[in-house]
Amino acid sequence: MPIKDDVQLGRDVRIFHPDLVNLYGCSVGDETRIGTFVEVQVGANIGARCKISSHSFICEGVTIEDEVFIGHGVMFTNDKYPRATTADGRLQGPADWEVERTYVGRGASIGSNATILCGVTIGAGAIVGAGAVVTRDVPPQAIVAGVPAQVMEPRNAAVEVGDH
């Protein structure tokens, strides 16, 4: 089921290996590029001119604005307390949990193998370092890295002449 009929694809979307992706019930904006082995679930929204690199997982409840870079193997989550079964041992269904929404602002970049926990906002123009685990909101234009991700330095900081 690589690309279901219910997927809304914008103009000039490029999916390099359509037989090796799994897209269903989602929307993808104009001119976005999607790599191999990417899954985008129902209700996820990806903006225009994004790059979604191979092996990434974008789950229900994730909104990605325009011009966002998603590196290889980036994983989003949508449940703070995931369980396979209910307290009485039944397999969980849609009524047994609530989707926690995640938002990625315009022009943000998320490095390879980062994990984005649900319920956070990554601000416009922010950079998430490779391998980071984002557990709380990332301010616009911030650079974060580490486990858990922490702000590393301000973007475009002015360098004083003569400082060495």
N, C-alpha and C. Protein backbone atom coordinates (compact mmCIF):
# COMPACT_ATOMS: atom_id res chain seq x y z
N MET A 1 0.82 -1.20 0.00
CA MET A 1 0.00 0.00 0.00
C MET A 1 0.85 1.25 0.00
N PRO A 2 1.76 1.39 -0.90
CA PRO A 2 2.70 2.52 -0.82
C PRO A 2 2.04 3.89 -0.70
N ILE A 3 1.20 4.28 -1.65
CA ILE A 3 0.56 5.60 -1.58
C ILE A 3 -0.94 5.38 -1.78
N LYS A 4 -1.70 5.57 -0.69
CA LYS A 4 -3.14 5.34 -0.76
C LYS A 4 -3.83 6.44 -1.57
N ASP A 5 -5.03 6.13 -2.04
CA ASP A 5 -5.81 7.08 -2.83
C ASP A 5 -6.24 8.31 -2.03
N ASP A 6 -6.25 8.22 -0.69
CA ASP A 6 -6.72 9.35 0.13
C ASP A 6 -5.61 10.37 0.45
N VAL A 7 -4.42 10.20 -0.10
CA VAL A 7 -3.32 11.13 0.12
C VAL A 7 -3.50 12.35 -0.78
N GLN A 8 -3.34 13.54 -0.20
CA GLN A 8 -3.43 14.78 -0.98
C GLN A 8 -2.02 15.24 -1.30
N LEU A 9 -1.64 15.08 -2.55
CA LEU A 9 -0.30 15.48 -3.00
C LEU A 9 -0.41 16.81 -3.74
N GLY A 10 0.44 17.77 -3.36
CA GLY A 10 0.49 19.06 -4.04
C GLY A 10 1.15 18.92 -5.41
N ARG A 11 1.30 20.05 -6.04
CA ARG A 11 1.91 20.13 -7.37
C ARG A 11 3.40 19.82 -7.29
N ASP A 12 3.88 19.03 -8.23
CA ASP A 12 5.31 18.72 -8.39
C ASP A 12 5.94 18.07 -7.17
N VAL A 13 5.18 17.31 -6.39
CA VAL A 13 5.76 16.52 -5.30
C VAL A 13 6.60 15.42 -5.93
N ARG A 14 7.80 15.21 -5.39
CA ARG A 14 8.69 14.17 -5.92
C ARG A 14 8.86 13.08 -4.86
N ILE A 15 8.42 11.90 -5.21
CA ILE A 15 8.60 10.71 -4.36
C ILE A 15 9.50 9.78 -5.17
N PHE A 16 10.75 9.67 -4.77
CA PHE A 16 11.77 9.05 -5.60
C PHE A 16 11.53 7.56 -5.83
N HIS A 17 10.98 6.87 -4.84
CA HIS A 17 10.68 5.44 -4.98
C HIS A 17 9.28 5.18 -4.43
N PRO A 18 8.24 5.46 -5.23
CA PRO A 18 6.87 5.36 -4.72
C PRO A 18 6.49 3.99 -4.19
N ASP A 19 7.16 2.93 -4.66
CA ASP A 19 6.85 1.59 -4.15
C ASP A 19 7.51 1.32 -2.81
N LEU A 20 8.37 2.24 -2.35
CA LEU A 20 9.10 2.03 -1.10
C LEU A 20 8.80 3.10 -0.05
N VAL A 21 7.59 3.65 -0.12
CA VAL A 21 7.10 4.57 0.91
C VAL A 21 5.74 4.09 1.38
N ASN A 22 5.26 4.64 2.49
CA ASN A 22 3.95 4.29 3.01
C ASN A 22 3.26 5.58 3.42
N LEU A 23 2.39 6.08 2.56
CA LEU A 23 1.66 7.33 2.81
C LEU A 23 0.17 7.03 2.78
N TYR A 24 -0.55 7.47 3.83
CA TYR A 24 -1.99 7.25 3.86
C TYR A 24 -2.67 8.33 4.68
N GLY A 25 -3.75 8.90 4.12
CA GLY A 25 -4.57 9.87 4.82
C GLY A 25 -3.87 11.16 5.20
N CYS A 26 -2.78 11.50 4.53
CA CYS A 26 -1.98 12.68 4.87
C CYS A 26 -2.05 13.69 3.72
N SER A 27 -1.43 14.86 3.96
CA SER A 27 -1.31 15.84 2.88
C SER A 27 0.14 16.27 2.77
N VAL A 28 0.57 16.47 1.53
CA VAL A 28 1.95 16.85 1.22
C VAL A 28 1.90 18.05 0.28
N GLY A 29 2.58 19.14 0.65
CA GLY A 29 2.53 20.38 -0.11
C GLY A 29 3.36 20.38 -1.37
N ASP A 30 3.15 21.41 -2.18
CA ASP A 30 3.81 21.57 -3.47
C ASP A 30 5.33 21.45 -3.36
N GLU A 31 5.92 20.78 -4.35
CA GLU A 31 7.37 20.70 -4.55
C GLU A 31 8.13 20.02 -3.42
N THR A 32 7.44 19.33 -2.54
CA THR A 32 8.12 18.59 -1.47
C THR A 32 8.73 17.33 -2.04
N ARG A 33 9.88 16.93 -1.48
CA ARG A 33 10.58 15.72 -1.89
C ARG A 33 10.55 14.71 -0.75
N ILE A 34 10.23 13.47 -1.08
CA ILE A 34 10.13 12.42 -0.07
C ILE A 34 11.03 11.26 -0.48
N GLY A 35 11.92 10.87 0.44
CA GLY A 35 12.87 9.80 0.18
C GLY A 35 12.29 8.41 0.41
N THR A 36 13.15 7.44 0.25
CA THR A 36 12.80 6.03 0.36
C THR A 36 12.52 5.63 1.80
N PHE A 37 11.61 4.69 1.99
CA PHE A 37 11.27 4.10 3.29
C PHE A 37 10.75 5.13 4.28
N VAL A 38 9.99 6.09 3.80
CA VAL A 38 9.33 7.10 4.65
C VAL A 38 7.89 6.65 4.86
N GLU A 39 7.42 6.81 6.11
CA GLU A 39 6.00 6.59 6.40
C GLU A 39 5.40 7.90 6.89
N VAL A 40 4.25 8.28 6.31
CA VAL A 40 3.51 9.45 6.74
C VAL A 40 2.08 8.98 7.00
N GLN A 41 1.64 9.11 8.25
CA GLN A 41 0.36 8.55 8.66
C GLN A 41 -0.82 9.48 8.43
N VAL A 42 -1.99 8.93 8.61
CA VAL A 42 -3.25 9.64 8.48
C VAL A 42 -3.24 10.89 9.38
N GLY A 43 -3.70 12.00 8.82
CA GLY A 43 -3.81 13.23 9.61
C GLY A 43 -2.53 14.03 9.72
N ALA A 44 -1.41 13.52 9.22
CA ALA A 44 -0.17 14.31 9.22
C ALA A 44 -0.22 15.28 8.05
N ASN A 45 0.38 16.46 8.26
CA ASN A 45 0.39 17.50 7.22
C ASN A 45 1.81 17.99 7.01
N ILE A 46 2.25 17.94 5.76
CA ILE A 46 3.59 18.40 5.39
C ILE A 46 3.43 19.56 4.43
N GLY A 47 4.14 20.64 4.67
CA GLY A 47 4.03 21.85 3.86
C GLY A 47 4.73 21.74 2.52
N ALA A 48 4.87 22.89 1.88
CA ALA A 48 5.49 23.00 0.55
C ALA A 48 7.01 23.11 0.66
N ARG A 49 7.68 22.62 -0.36
CA ARG A 49 9.13 22.74 -0.51
C ARG A 49 9.90 22.17 0.68
N CYS A 50 9.41 21.07 1.23
CA CYS A 50 10.11 20.37 2.31
C CYS A 50 10.95 19.25 1.71
N LYS A 51 11.92 18.80 2.49
CA LYS A 51 12.68 17.61 2.12
C LYS A 51 12.55 16.63 3.28
N ILE A 52 11.96 15.47 2.99
CA ILE A 52 11.80 14.41 3.98
C ILE A 52 12.75 13.29 3.56
N SER A 53 13.83 13.11 4.31
CA SER A 53 14.86 12.14 3.95
C SER A 53 14.43 10.71 4.30
N SER A 54 15.16 9.75 3.76
CA SER A 54 14.82 8.34 3.88
C SER A 54 14.69 7.87 5.33
N HIS A 55 13.90 6.83 5.51
CA HIS A 55 13.73 6.12 6.79
C HIS A 55 13.09 6.97 7.89
N SER A 56 12.39 8.03 7.55
CA SER A 56 11.75 8.89 8.56
C SER A 56 10.30 8.47 8.76
N PHE A 57 9.80 8.74 9.98
CA PHE A 57 8.44 8.37 10.37
C PHE A 57 7.72 9.61 10.87
N ILE A 58 6.65 9.98 10.15
CA ILE A 58 5.86 11.17 10.51
C ILE A 58 4.46 10.66 10.83
N CYS A 59 4.11 10.70 12.11
CA CYS A 59 2.88 10.06 12.55
C CYS A 59 1.70 11.02 12.61
N GLU A 60 0.54 10.45 12.85
CA GLU A 60 -0.68 11.21 13.03
C GLU A 60 -0.46 12.30 14.07
N GLY A 61 -0.98 13.49 13.79
CA GLY A 61 -0.87 14.59 14.73
C GLY A 61 0.30 15.52 14.49
N VAL A 62 1.14 15.22 13.50
CA VAL A 62 2.31 16.05 13.20
C VAL A 62 1.97 17.02 12.07
N THR A 63 2.28 18.29 12.29
CA THR A 63 2.17 19.32 11.25
C THR A 63 3.56 19.88 10.99
N ILE A 64 3.97 19.85 9.74
CA ILE A 64 5.26 20.38 9.32
C ILE A 64 4.99 21.52 8.35
N GLU A 65 5.44 22.71 8.69
CA GLU A 65 5.23 23.88 7.84
C GLU A 65 6.13 23.83 6.60
N ASP A 66 6.08 24.88 5.79
CA ASP A 66 6.84 24.96 4.54
C ASP A 66 8.36 25.02 4.79
N GLU A 67 9.11 24.51 3.82
CA GLU A 67 10.57 24.66 3.74
C GLU A 67 11.31 24.04 4.91
N VAL A 68 10.79 22.93 5.42
CA VAL A 68 11.41 22.21 6.53
C VAL A 68 12.26 21.08 5.99
N PHE A 69 13.43 20.88 6.61
CA PHE A 69 14.31 19.76 6.29
C PHE A 69 14.18 18.71 7.39
N ILE A 70 13.89 17.48 6.99
CA ILE A 70 13.84 16.34 7.92
C ILE A 70 14.93 15.38 7.48
N GLY A 71 15.93 15.17 8.34
CA GLY A 71 17.05 14.29 8.00
C GLY A 71 16.67 12.82 7.98
N HIS A 72 17.64 11.97 7.71
CA HIS A 72 17.41 10.53 7.63
C HIS A 72 17.05 9.96 9.00
N GLY A 73 16.06 9.09 9.02
CA GLY A 73 15.73 8.35 10.23
C GLY A 73 15.13 9.18 11.35
N VAL A 74 14.51 10.31 11.05
CA VAL A 74 13.87 11.12 12.09
C VAL A 74 12.56 10.45 12.49
N MET A 75 12.33 10.36 13.80
CA MET A 75 11.14 9.71 14.34
C MET A 75 10.31 10.69 15.16
N PHE A 76 9.03 10.79 14.83
CA PHE A 76 8.08 11.57 15.62
C PHE A 76 7.24 10.59 16.43
N THR A 77 6.74 11.04 17.58
CA THR A 77 5.81 10.23 18.37
C THR A 77 4.52 11.01 18.55
N ASN A 78 3.46 10.32 18.96
CA ASN A 78 2.19 11.01 19.17
C ASN A 78 1.42 10.53 20.40
N ASP A 79 2.07 9.81 21.28
CA ASP A 79 1.42 9.28 22.48
C ASP A 79 2.44 9.32 23.62
N LYS A 80 2.11 10.06 24.70
CA LYS A 80 3.03 10.18 25.83
C LYS A 80 3.15 8.89 26.63
N TYR A 81 2.11 8.10 26.66
CA TYR A 81 2.10 6.87 27.45
C TYR A 81 1.62 5.69 26.61
N PRO A 82 2.41 5.28 25.62
CA PRO A 82 1.94 4.23 24.71
C PRO A 82 1.83 2.87 25.40
N ARG A 83 0.79 2.16 25.07
CA ARG A 83 0.55 0.81 25.55
C ARG A 83 -0.04 -0.01 24.40
N ALA A 84 0.23 -1.28 24.38
CA ALA A 84 -0.35 -2.16 23.37
C ALA A 84 -1.77 -2.57 23.76
N THR A 85 -2.01 -2.68 25.08
CA THR A 85 -3.31 -3.15 25.55
C THR A 85 -3.88 -2.21 26.60
N THR A 86 -5.18 -2.39 26.86
CA THR A 86 -5.85 -1.65 27.92
C THR A 86 -5.60 -2.35 29.25
N ALA A 87 -6.07 -1.77 30.34
CA ALA A 87 -5.89 -2.35 31.68
C ALA A 87 -6.50 -3.75 31.78
N ASP A 88 -7.57 -4.01 31.00
CA ASP A 88 -8.20 -5.34 31.06
C ASP A 88 -7.65 -6.32 30.02
N GLY A 89 -6.56 -5.94 29.33
CA GLY A 89 -5.88 -6.85 28.42
C GLY A 89 -6.34 -6.82 26.97
N ARG A 90 -7.31 -5.97 26.63
CA ARG A 90 -7.74 -5.83 25.24
C ARG A 90 -6.68 -5.05 24.45
N LEU A 91 -6.55 -5.37 23.16
CA LEU A 91 -5.70 -4.55 22.30
C LEU A 91 -6.27 -3.14 22.25
N GLN A 92 -5.42 -2.14 22.39
CA GLN A 92 -5.90 -0.76 22.33
C GLN A 92 -6.40 -0.43 20.93
N GLY A 93 -7.44 0.39 20.89
CA GLY A 93 -7.97 0.91 19.64
C GLY A 93 -7.97 2.42 19.70
N PRO A 94 -8.47 3.08 18.67
CA PRO A 94 -8.46 4.55 18.61
C PRO A 94 -9.13 5.23 19.81
N ALA A 95 -10.13 4.60 20.39
CA ALA A 95 -10.84 5.21 21.52
C ALA A 95 -10.06 5.13 22.83
N ASP A 96 -8.97 4.37 22.84
CA ASP A 96 -8.24 4.13 24.09
C ASP A 96 -7.06 5.07 24.33
N TRP A 97 -6.84 5.99 23.42
CA TRP A 97 -5.74 6.94 23.61
C TRP A 97 -6.05 8.22 22.85
N GLU A 98 -5.29 9.28 23.17
CA GLU A 98 -5.50 10.58 22.54
C GLU A 98 -4.22 11.03 21.84
N VAL A 99 -4.35 11.47 20.60
CA VAL A 99 -3.20 11.96 19.83
C VAL A 99 -2.67 13.24 20.46
N GLU A 100 -1.38 13.30 20.69
CA GLU A 100 -0.71 14.52 21.16
C GLU A 100 -0.08 15.18 19.93
N ARG A 101 -0.46 16.40 19.64
CA ARG A 101 -0.03 17.09 18.42
C ARG A 101 1.39 17.66 18.55
N THR A 102 2.08 17.68 17.42
CA THR A 102 3.43 18.23 17.33
C THR A 102 3.47 19.17 16.13
N TYR A 103 4.20 20.28 16.27
CA TYR A 103 4.25 21.31 15.24
C TYR A 103 5.70 21.67 14.94
N VAL A 104 6.06 21.69 13.65
CA VAL A 104 7.40 22.09 13.21
C VAL A 104 7.23 23.35 12.36
N GLY A 105 7.83 24.46 12.80
CA GLY A 105 7.69 25.75 12.13
C GLY A 105 8.48 25.86 10.84
N ARG A 106 8.09 26.85 10.07
CA ARG A 106 8.66 27.10 8.74
C ARG A 106 10.19 27.20 8.79
N GLY A 107 10.84 26.53 7.85
CA GLY A 107 12.28 26.63 7.68
C GLY A 107 13.11 25.93 8.74
N ALA A 108 12.50 25.16 9.63
CA ALA A 108 13.26 24.42 10.63
C ALA A 108 14.02 23.28 9.97
N SER A 109 15.07 22.81 10.63
CA SER A 109 15.86 21.67 10.15
C SER A 109 16.02 20.69 11.29
N ILE A 110 15.74 19.42 11.02
CA ILE A 110 15.86 18.37 12.03
C ILE A 110 16.87 17.36 11.52
N GLY A 111 17.96 17.18 12.27
CA GLY A 111 19.06 16.31 11.86
C GLY A 111 18.73 14.84 11.94
N SER A 112 19.53 14.05 11.24
CA SER A 112 19.34 12.61 11.16
C SER A 112 19.26 11.96 12.54
N ASN A 113 18.37 10.98 12.63
CA ASN A 113 18.17 10.16 13.82
C ASN A 113 17.68 10.92 15.04
N ALA A 114 17.16 12.13 14.85
CA ALA A 114 16.54 12.84 15.97
C ALA A 114 15.20 12.17 16.29
N THR A 115 14.81 12.24 17.55
CA THR A 115 13.51 11.76 17.99
C THR A 115 12.76 12.96 18.55
N ILE A 116 11.54 13.16 18.08
CA ILE A 116 10.73 14.29 18.50
C ILE A 116 9.55 13.74 19.30
N LEU A 117 9.58 13.97 20.62
CA LEU A 117 8.47 13.50 21.44
C LEU A 117 7.24 14.36 21.18
N CYS A 118 6.09 13.79 21.40
CA CYS A 118 4.83 14.46 21.05
C CYS A 118 4.54 15.66 21.94
N GLY A 119 3.71 16.54 21.41
CA GLY A 119 3.24 17.68 22.17
C GLY A 119 4.16 18.88 22.17
N VAL A 120 5.21 18.86 21.34
CA VAL A 120 6.15 19.98 21.32
C VAL A 120 5.97 20.81 20.06
N THR A 121 6.50 22.04 20.14
CA THR A 121 6.59 22.92 18.99
C THR A 121 8.05 23.20 18.73
N ILE A 122 8.47 23.00 17.49
CA ILE A 122 9.82 23.38 17.06
C ILE A 122 9.63 24.65 16.26
N GLY A 123 10.21 25.74 16.76
CA GLY A 123 9.98 27.06 16.18
C GLY A 123 10.57 27.23 14.80
N ALA A 124 10.06 28.25 14.10
CA ALA A 124 10.52 28.58 12.75
C ALA A 124 12.02 28.80 12.74
N GLY A 125 12.70 28.22 11.77
CA GLY A 125 14.13 28.42 11.59
C GLY A 125 15.01 27.72 12.59
N ALA A 126 14.45 26.95 13.51
CA ALA A 126 15.26 26.23 14.50
C ALA A 126 16.03 25.10 13.84
N ILE A 127 17.12 24.70 14.50
CA ILE A 127 17.91 23.57 14.04
C ILE A 127 17.99 22.57 15.19
N VAL A 128 17.61 21.32 14.90
CA VAL A 128 17.71 20.22 15.86
C VAL A 128 18.87 19.34 15.41
N GLY A 129 19.87 19.18 16.26
CA GLY A 129 21.05 18.41 15.92
C GLY A 129 20.77 16.93 15.72
N ALA A 130 21.62 16.29 14.95
CA ALA A 130 21.50 14.86 14.71
C ALA A 130 21.52 14.09 16.02
N GLY A 131 20.62 13.13 16.15
CA GLY A 131 20.58 12.28 17.32
C GLY A 131 19.93 12.89 18.54
N ALA A 132 19.48 14.13 18.46
CA ALA A 132 18.85 14.80 19.60
C ALA A 132 17.52 14.13 19.94
N VAL A 133 17.14 14.25 21.21
CA VAL A 133 15.82 13.83 21.66
C VAL A 133 15.12 15.09 22.16
N VAL A 134 14.12 15.55 21.40
CA VAL A 134 13.42 16.79 21.73
C VAL A 134 12.26 16.44 22.66
N THR A 135 12.34 16.95 23.90
CA THR A 135 11.33 16.64 24.92
C THR A 135 10.48 17.85 25.28
N ARG A 136 10.89 19.04 24.82
CA ARG A 136 10.13 20.26 25.10
C ARG A 136 10.27 21.22 23.93
N ASP A 137 9.49 22.30 23.95
CA ASP A 137 9.47 23.25 22.85
C ASP A 137 10.87 23.79 22.54
N VAL A 138 11.11 24.03 21.25
CA VAL A 138 12.36 24.62 20.77
C VAL A 138 12.01 26.02 20.27
N PRO A 139 12.67 27.06 20.81
CA PRO A 139 12.36 28.42 20.37
C PRO A 139 12.71 28.65 18.89
N PRO A 140 12.03 29.60 18.25
CA PRO A 140 12.40 29.95 16.87
C PRO A 140 13.88 30.32 16.79
N GLN A 141 14.53 29.90 15.72
CA GLN A 141 15.93 30.21 15.42
C GLN A 141 16.93 29.56 16.37
N ALA A 142 16.50 28.79 17.35
CA ALA A 142 17.43 28.15 18.29
C ALA A 142 18.13 26.97 17.65
N ILE A 143 19.30 26.65 18.18
CA ILE A 143 20.02 25.43 17.82
C ILE A 143 19.99 24.56 19.07
N VAL A 144 19.47 23.33 18.93
CA VAL A 144 19.43 22.42 20.06
C VAL A 144 20.13 21.12 19.69
N ALA A 145 20.70 20.46 20.70
CA ALA A 145 21.35 19.17 20.49
C ALA A 145 21.38 18.45 21.83
N GLY A 146 21.59 17.15 21.75
CA GLY A 146 21.77 16.35 22.96
C GLY A 146 20.54 15.57 23.37
N VAL A 147 20.72 14.85 24.49
CA VAL A 147 19.66 14.01 25.06
C VAL A 147 19.54 14.33 26.54
N PRO A 148 18.50 15.03 26.95
CA PRO A 148 17.49 15.67 26.12
C PRO A 148 18.08 16.90 25.41
N ALA A 149 17.43 17.32 24.35
CA ALA A 149 17.92 18.46 23.57
C ALA A 149 17.94 19.73 24.41
N GLN A 150 19.04 20.44 24.32
CA GLN A 150 19.23 21.72 25.03
C GLN A 150 19.68 22.78 24.03
N VAL A 151 19.34 24.04 24.30
CA VAL A 151 19.77 25.13 23.43
C VAL A 151 21.29 25.24 23.52
N MET A 152 21.93 25.27 22.34
CA MET A 152 23.39 25.30 22.27
C MET A 152 23.95 26.71 22.17
N GLU A 153 23.37 27.52 21.31
CA GLU A 153 23.88 28.87 21.10
C GLU A 153 22.84 29.65 20.31
N PRO A 154 22.86 30.95 20.41
CA PRO A 154 21.93 31.72 19.57
C PRO A 154 22.38 31.69 18.12
N ARG A 155 21.44 31.68 17.21
CA ARG A 155 21.75 31.73 15.78
C ARG A 155 22.20 33.12 15.41
N ASN A 156 23.11 33.20 14.47
CA ASN A 156 23.56 34.48 13.90
C ASN A 156 24.07 35.44 14.96
N ALA A 157 24.73 34.90 15.98
CA ALA A 157 25.26 35.77 17.04
C ALA A 157 26.38 36.65 16.44
N ALA A 158 26.37 37.92 16.78
CA ALA A 158 27.39 38.83 16.28
C ALA A 158 28.72 38.54 16.95
N VAL A 159 29.79 38.56 16.18
CA VAL A 159 31.13 38.36 16.72
C VAL A 159 31.80 39.73 16.79
N GLU A 160 32.25 40.07 17.98
CA GLU A 160 32.92 41.35 18.17
C GLU A 160 34.31 41.32 17.54
N VAL A 161 34.68 42.38 16.83
CA VAL A 161 36.01 42.50 16.25
C VAL A 161 37.02 42.57 17.39
N GLY A 162 38.08 41.80 17.26
CA GLY A 162 39.12 41.80 18.28
C GLY A 162 38.93 40.72 19.34
N ASP A 163 37.79 40.07 19.41
CA ASP A 163 37.59 38.98 20.37
C ASP A 163 38.26 37.73 19.81
N HIS A 164 39.10 37.10 20.63
CA HIS A 164 39.76 35.87 20.18
C HIS A 164 39.60 34.80 21.21
